[in-house]
Amino acid sequence: QVQLVESGGGLVQPGGSLRLSCTASGRGFSSYLMGWYRQAPGKQREMVATIISTVITNYADSVKGRFTISRDNAKNTVYLQMNSLKPEDTAVYYCSAKSSPSVYGYWGQGTQVTVSS
C-alpha cells in the first residue's frame, strides 16, 4: 500500500511559479512510475508529467518548457516545478504512483493551484 500526500498548491499571479511536492509512504518508491495529473472544473483529468527512474520524463504539450518534473528517491518525493503559469493551468493537481503504465495505481488527495490576477 502506498499513500501519497501533495503540498505546495496555492494562488499565484500569471507568470508566477509554484513547486508542488508529493511524498509517498510505503516501500518501492524508486520503482514506481510517478506522475502529476490535473483536473479543471468541468474537464476530464489529464496527464501533466510523468517520470520513470530519475531521467525519463514525459510532458503534456501544454506544459512543455514551463514545467519540470523531478524525483528524489532518497526522500520518496516527486516534485513539479511550474514556471510561467497561466490562468489555464488552474486546476486541482494530483500525484500518482503506478507499478506500470496500465494500472490505476495510487493517488493523492489533490492540491489546488489557482492562477489569477
N, C-alpha and C. Protein backbone atom coordinates (compact mmCIF):
# COMPACT_ATOMS: atom_id res chain seq x y z
N GLN A 1 0.85 -1.19 0.00
CA GLN A 1 0.00 0.00 0.00
C GLN A 1 0.88 1.24 0.00
N VAL A 2 0.51 2.20 -0.83
CA VAL A 2 1.25 3.45 -0.94
C VAL A 2 0.29 4.59 -0.65
N GLN A 3 0.71 5.49 0.19
CA GLN A 3 -0.07 6.71 0.44
C GLN A 3 0.71 7.90 -0.08
N LEU A 4 0.01 8.80 -0.74
CA LEU A 4 0.63 9.97 -1.36
C LEU A 4 0.05 11.24 -0.76
N VAL A 5 0.91 12.17 -0.41
CA VAL A 5 0.47 13.44 0.15
C VAL A 5 1.09 14.57 -0.65
N GLU A 6 0.23 15.37 -1.28
CA GLU A 6 0.69 16.51 -2.08
C GLU A 6 0.72 17.77 -1.22
N SER A 7 1.57 18.70 -1.62
CA SER A 7 1.62 20.01 -0.98
C SER A 7 2.20 21.01 -1.97
N GLY A 8 2.03 22.29 -1.65
CA GLY A 8 2.65 23.33 -2.45
C GLY A 8 1.70 24.11 -3.34
N GLY A 9 0.44 23.73 -3.37
CA GLY A 9 -0.50 24.49 -4.19
C GLY A 9 -0.82 25.84 -3.58
N GLY A 10 -1.55 26.64 -4.33
CA GLY A 10 -1.93 27.95 -3.82
C GLY A 10 -2.36 28.88 -4.93
N LEU A 11 -2.44 30.15 -4.58
CA LEU A 11 -2.84 31.20 -5.53
C LEU A 11 -1.59 31.92 -6.01
N VAL A 12 -1.47 32.08 -7.31
CA VAL A 12 -0.31 32.75 -7.88
C VAL A 12 -0.78 33.60 -9.07
N GLN A 13 -0.08 34.68 -9.30
CA GLN A 13 -0.41 35.54 -10.43
C GLN A 13 0.11 34.95 -11.74
N PRO A 14 -0.52 35.29 -12.85
CA PRO A 14 0.01 34.83 -14.15
C PRO A 14 1.47 35.20 -14.31
N GLY A 15 2.25 34.26 -14.83
CA GLY A 15 3.68 34.45 -14.97
C GLY A 15 4.48 34.01 -13.77
N GLY A 16 3.80 33.68 -12.70
CA GLY A 16 4.49 33.28 -11.48
C GLY A 16 4.86 31.81 -11.48
N SER A 17 5.41 31.37 -10.34
CA SER A 17 5.90 30.00 -10.20
C SER A 17 5.38 29.36 -8.92
N LEU A 18 5.26 28.05 -8.97
CA LEU A 18 4.96 27.25 -7.80
C LEU A 18 5.71 25.93 -7.93
N ARG A 19 6.01 25.32 -6.79
CA ARG A 19 6.58 23.98 -6.79
C ARG A 19 5.69 23.07 -5.96
N LEU A 20 5.19 22.05 -6.59
CA LEU A 20 4.40 21.04 -5.91
C LEU A 20 5.30 19.90 -5.46
N SER A 21 4.96 19.33 -4.31
CA SER A 21 5.67 18.16 -3.80
C SER A 21 4.68 17.05 -3.51
N CYS A 22 5.14 15.84 -3.67
CA CYS A 22 4.32 14.67 -3.35
C CYS A 22 5.22 13.66 -2.67
N THR A 23 4.90 13.36 -1.42
CA THR A 23 5.70 12.42 -0.65
C THR A 23 4.93 11.13 -0.47
N ALA A 24 5.62 10.03 -0.71
CA ALA A 24 5.00 8.71 -0.66
C ALA A 24 5.44 7.93 0.57
N SER A 25 4.50 7.23 1.16
CA SER A 25 4.83 6.29 2.22
C SER A 25 4.85 4.89 1.62
N GLY A 26 5.42 3.95 2.32
CA GLY A 26 5.47 2.60 1.80
C GLY A 26 6.77 2.32 1.07
N ARG A 27 6.92 1.08 0.66
CA ARG A 27 8.17 0.66 0.03
C ARG A 27 8.10 0.73 -1.49
N GLY A 28 9.27 0.71 -2.07
CA GLY A 28 9.35 0.56 -3.51
C GLY A 28 9.21 1.82 -4.32
N PHE A 29 9.35 2.96 -3.66
CA PHE A 29 9.12 4.23 -4.36
C PHE A 29 9.96 4.33 -5.63
N SER A 30 11.21 3.95 -5.55
CA SER A 30 12.12 4.15 -6.69
C SER A 30 11.70 3.37 -7.92
N SER A 31 10.90 2.35 -7.76
CA SER A 31 10.48 1.54 -8.90
C SER A 31 9.16 2.00 -9.51
N TYR A 32 8.50 2.97 -8.88
CA TYR A 32 7.20 3.40 -9.37
C TYR A 32 7.32 4.44 -10.48
N LEU A 33 6.40 4.36 -11.44
CA LEU A 33 6.18 5.44 -12.39
C LEU A 33 5.39 6.50 -11.65
N MET A 34 5.97 7.67 -11.49
CA MET A 34 5.30 8.75 -10.76
C MET A 34 4.77 9.77 -11.76
N GLY A 35 3.64 10.35 -11.42
CA GLY A 35 3.05 11.31 -12.34
C GLY A 35 2.28 12.41 -11.65
N TRP A 36 2.14 13.49 -12.35
CA TRP A 36 1.27 14.60 -11.95
C TRP A 36 0.16 14.71 -12.99
N TYR A 37 -1.05 14.80 -12.49
CA TYR A 37 -2.24 14.97 -13.33
C TYR A 37 -3.00 16.18 -12.79
N ARG A 38 -3.89 16.70 -13.61
CA ARG A 38 -4.70 17.82 -13.14
C ARG A 38 -6.11 17.72 -13.68
N GLN A 39 -7.03 18.33 -12.93
CA GLN A 39 -8.42 18.36 -13.36
C GLN A 39 -9.00 19.73 -13.08
N ALA A 40 -9.38 20.40 -14.15
CA ALA A 40 -10.02 21.70 -14.04
C ALA A 40 -11.53 21.50 -13.94
N PRO A 41 -12.25 22.48 -13.41
CA PRO A 41 -13.70 22.36 -13.29
C PRO A 41 -14.36 22.08 -14.64
N GLY A 42 -15.20 21.07 -14.68
CA GLY A 42 -15.92 20.73 -15.90
C GLY A 42 -15.10 20.01 -16.94
N LYS A 43 -13.86 19.66 -16.61
CA LYS A 43 -13.00 18.97 -17.57
C LYS A 43 -12.54 17.63 -17.03
N GLN A 44 -12.08 16.78 -17.93
CA GLN A 44 -11.55 15.48 -17.53
C GLN A 44 -10.14 15.65 -16.96
N ARG A 45 -9.77 14.69 -16.12
CA ARG A 45 -8.41 14.68 -15.60
C ARG A 45 -7.44 14.42 -16.74
N GLU A 46 -6.33 15.15 -16.75
CA GLU A 46 -5.35 15.00 -17.81
C GLU A 46 -3.95 14.84 -17.24
N MET A 47 -3.12 14.14 -17.97
CA MET A 47 -1.72 13.96 -17.59
C MET A 47 -0.98 15.26 -17.77
N VAL A 48 -0.18 15.63 -16.80
CA VAL A 48 0.68 16.80 -16.89
C VAL A 48 2.12 16.37 -17.16
N ALA A 49 2.63 15.46 -16.33
CA ALA A 49 4.00 15.00 -16.48
C ALA A 49 4.18 13.68 -15.76
N THR A 50 5.06 12.85 -16.29
CA THR A 50 5.40 11.59 -15.64
C THR A 50 6.90 11.41 -15.62
N ILE A 51 7.37 10.58 -14.70
CA ILE A 51 8.79 10.32 -14.58
C ILE A 51 9.04 8.89 -14.16
N ILE A 52 9.94 8.23 -14.88
CA ILE A 52 10.41 6.89 -14.53
C ILE A 52 11.90 7.03 -14.19
N SER A 53 12.37 6.30 -13.23
CA SER A 53 13.74 6.47 -12.71
C SER A 53 13.91 7.94 -12.37
N THR A 54 15.01 8.53 -12.75
CA THR A 54 15.22 9.95 -12.43
C THR A 54 15.40 10.81 -13.67
N VAL A 55 15.43 10.18 -14.85
CA VAL A 55 15.73 10.96 -16.05
C VAL A 55 14.75 10.78 -17.20
N ILE A 56 13.90 9.79 -17.14
CA ILE A 56 12.97 9.55 -18.23
C ILE A 56 11.66 10.25 -17.90
N THR A 57 11.38 11.31 -18.66
CA THR A 57 10.21 12.13 -18.37
C THR A 57 9.33 12.27 -19.59
N ASN A 58 8.09 12.63 -19.34
CA ASN A 58 7.13 12.87 -20.41
C ASN A 58 6.23 14.02 -19.97
N TYR A 59 5.91 14.91 -20.90
CA TYR A 59 5.12 16.09 -20.57
C TYR A 59 3.95 16.27 -21.54
N ALA A 60 2.90 16.83 -21.04
CA ALA A 60 1.83 17.28 -21.92
C ALA A 60 2.35 18.44 -22.75
N ASP A 61 1.89 18.55 -23.99
CA ASP A 61 2.35 19.63 -24.86
C ASP A 61 2.09 21.00 -24.24
N SER A 62 1.01 21.12 -23.51
CA SER A 62 0.61 22.41 -22.96
C SER A 62 1.56 22.93 -21.87
N VAL A 63 2.40 22.05 -21.32
CA VAL A 63 3.29 22.49 -20.24
C VAL A 63 4.77 22.36 -20.60
N LYS A 64 5.07 21.82 -21.76
CA LYS A 64 6.48 21.65 -22.15
C LYS A 64 7.19 22.99 -22.16
N GLY A 65 8.39 23.00 -21.56
CA GLY A 65 9.17 24.22 -21.50
C GLY A 65 8.83 25.10 -20.32
N ARG A 66 7.74 24.80 -19.62
CA ARG A 66 7.35 25.60 -18.46
C ARG A 66 7.39 24.79 -17.16
N PHE A 67 7.05 23.52 -17.24
CA PHE A 67 7.00 22.66 -16.05
C PHE A 67 8.16 21.66 -16.10
N THR A 68 8.64 21.30 -14.92
CA THR A 68 9.69 20.29 -14.81
C THR A 68 9.34 19.33 -13.69
N ILE A 69 9.32 18.04 -14.03
CA ILE A 69 9.09 17.01 -13.03
C ILE A 69 10.43 16.42 -12.62
N SER A 70 10.56 16.13 -11.34
CA SER A 70 11.78 15.50 -10.83
C SER A 70 11.43 14.65 -9.63
N ARG A 71 12.38 13.81 -9.23
CA ARG A 71 12.12 12.95 -8.08
C ARG A 71 13.39 12.80 -7.26
N ASP A 72 13.19 12.61 -5.98
CA ASP A 72 14.28 12.32 -5.05
C ASP A 72 13.94 11.01 -4.37
N ASN A 73 14.53 9.93 -4.85
CA ASN A 73 14.17 8.61 -4.33
C ASN A 73 14.58 8.43 -2.87
N ALA A 74 15.59 9.15 -2.44
CA ALA A 74 16.02 9.05 -1.04
C ALA A 74 14.98 9.65 -0.10
N LYS A 75 14.18 10.58 -0.63
CA LYS A 75 13.15 11.24 0.18
C LYS A 75 11.74 10.76 -0.18
N ASN A 76 11.65 9.79 -1.09
CA ASN A 76 10.34 9.30 -1.52
C ASN A 76 9.44 10.42 -2.00
N THR A 77 10.02 11.35 -2.73
CA THR A 77 9.29 12.56 -3.11
C THR A 77 9.45 12.85 -4.59
N VAL A 78 8.35 13.28 -5.20
CA VAL A 78 8.36 13.76 -6.57
C VAL A 78 7.91 15.21 -6.56
N TYR A 79 8.51 15.99 -7.44
CA TYR A 79 8.25 17.43 -7.49
C TYR A 79 7.71 17.82 -8.86
N LEU A 80 7.00 18.93 -8.87
CA LEU A 80 6.60 19.56 -10.13
C LEU A 80 6.88 21.04 -10.01
N GLN A 81 7.92 21.48 -10.69
CA GLN A 81 8.25 22.91 -10.73
C GLN A 81 7.45 23.53 -11.87
N MET A 82 6.64 24.50 -11.54
CA MET A 82 5.78 25.13 -12.53
C MET A 82 6.16 26.60 -12.67
N ASN A 83 6.62 26.98 -13.84
CA ASN A 83 7.02 28.35 -14.14
C ASN A 83 6.11 28.94 -15.21
N SER A 84 6.14 30.24 -15.33
CA SER A 84 5.35 30.94 -16.36
C SER A 84 3.89 30.47 -16.33
N LEU A 85 3.33 30.44 -15.17
CA LEU A 85 1.98 29.92 -15.02
C LEU A 85 0.96 30.79 -15.73
N LYS A 86 -0.06 30.11 -16.26
CA LYS A 86 -1.13 30.77 -16.99
C LYS A 86 -2.47 30.48 -16.31
N PRO A 87 -3.45 31.32 -16.54
CA PRO A 87 -4.77 31.05 -15.93
C PRO A 87 -5.31 29.67 -16.29
N GLU A 88 -4.99 29.19 -17.49
CA GLU A 88 -5.48 27.87 -17.90
C GLU A 88 -4.79 26.72 -17.17
N ASP A 89 -3.79 27.02 -16.37
CA ASP A 89 -3.16 26.00 -15.52
C ASP A 89 -3.94 25.78 -14.23
N THR A 90 -4.94 26.60 -14.00
CA THR A 90 -5.76 26.47 -12.80
C THR A 90 -6.46 25.12 -12.78
N ALA A 91 -6.27 24.37 -11.70
CA ALA A 91 -6.84 23.02 -11.59
C ALA A 91 -6.47 22.45 -10.23
N VAL A 92 -7.07 21.32 -9.93
CA VAL A 92 -6.59 20.50 -8.82
C VAL A 92 -5.53 19.56 -9.39
N TYR A 93 -4.38 19.56 -8.77
CA TYR A 93 -3.27 18.75 -9.22
C TYR A 93 -3.14 17.51 -8.33
N TYR A 94 -3.04 16.36 -8.99
CA TYR A 94 -2.97 15.09 -8.29
C TYR A 94 -1.65 14.39 -8.59
N CYS A 95 -1.13 13.74 -7.59
CA CYS A 95 0.06 12.91 -7.73
C CYS A 95 -0.38 11.45 -7.85
N SER A 96 0.33 10.70 -8.69
CA SER A 96 0.02 9.28 -8.82
C SER A 96 1.29 8.45 -8.77
N ALA A 97 1.11 7.21 -8.35
CA ALA A 97 2.20 6.23 -8.32
C ALA A 97 1.69 4.94 -8.94
N LYS A 98 2.40 4.46 -9.95
CA LYS A 98 1.96 3.25 -10.65
C LYS A 98 3.12 2.28 -10.78
N SER A 99 2.79 0.99 -10.64
CA SER A 99 3.81 -0.03 -10.85
C SER A 99 4.05 -0.27 -12.33
N SER A 100 3.05 0.07 -13.14
CA SER A 100 3.19 0.02 -14.60
C SER A 100 2.18 0.98 -15.20
N PRO A 101 2.40 1.44 -16.42
CA PRO A 101 1.52 2.47 -17.01
C PRO A 101 0.05 2.04 -17.13
N SER A 102 -0.22 0.74 -17.22
CA SER A 102 -1.58 0.29 -17.50
C SER A 102 -2.44 0.12 -16.25
N VAL A 103 -1.86 0.24 -15.07
CA VAL A 103 -2.67 0.06 -13.87
C VAL A 103 -3.19 1.39 -13.35
N TYR A 104 -4.22 1.32 -12.54
CA TYR A 104 -4.79 2.54 -11.98
C TYR A 104 -3.85 3.19 -10.99
N GLY A 105 -3.23 2.40 -10.15
CA GLY A 105 -2.23 2.89 -9.22
C GLY A 105 -2.81 3.58 -8.01
N TYR A 106 -1.95 4.35 -7.37
CA TYR A 106 -2.30 5.08 -6.16
C TYR A 106 -2.37 6.57 -6.46
N TRP A 107 -3.26 7.25 -5.74
CA TRP A 107 -3.48 8.68 -5.99
C TRP A 107 -3.50 9.46 -4.69
N GLY A 108 -3.01 10.68 -4.75
CA GLY A 108 -3.11 11.59 -3.63
C GLY A 108 -4.46 12.28 -3.60
N GLN A 109 -4.62 13.13 -2.60
CA GLN A 109 -5.91 13.79 -2.41
C GLN A 109 -6.06 15.04 -3.27
N GLY A 110 -4.97 15.50 -3.84
CA GLY A 110 -5.01 16.66 -4.72
C GLY A 110 -4.65 17.95 -3.99
N THR A 111 -4.11 18.89 -4.75
CA THR A 111 -3.80 20.22 -4.22
C THR A 111 -4.24 21.26 -5.25
N GLN A 112 -4.89 22.30 -4.77
CA GLN A 112 -5.45 23.31 -5.68
C GLN A 112 -4.38 24.30 -6.12
N VAL A 113 -4.34 24.54 -7.41
CA VAL A 113 -3.49 25.58 -7.98
C VAL A 113 -4.41 26.56 -8.70
N THR A 114 -4.33 27.82 -8.31
CA THR A 114 -5.15 28.86 -8.93
C THR A 114 -4.23 29.94 -9.46
N VAL A 115 -4.35 30.21 -10.75
CA VAL A 115 -3.54 31.25 -11.40
C VAL A 115 -4.48 32.39 -11.79
N SER A 116 -4.34 33.49 -11.09
CA SER A 116 -5.26 34.60 -11.30
C SER A 116 -4.63 35.89 -10.82
N SER A 117 -5.00 36.98 -11.49
CA SER A 117 -4.53 38.29 -11.05
C SER A 117 -5.55 38.94 -10.12
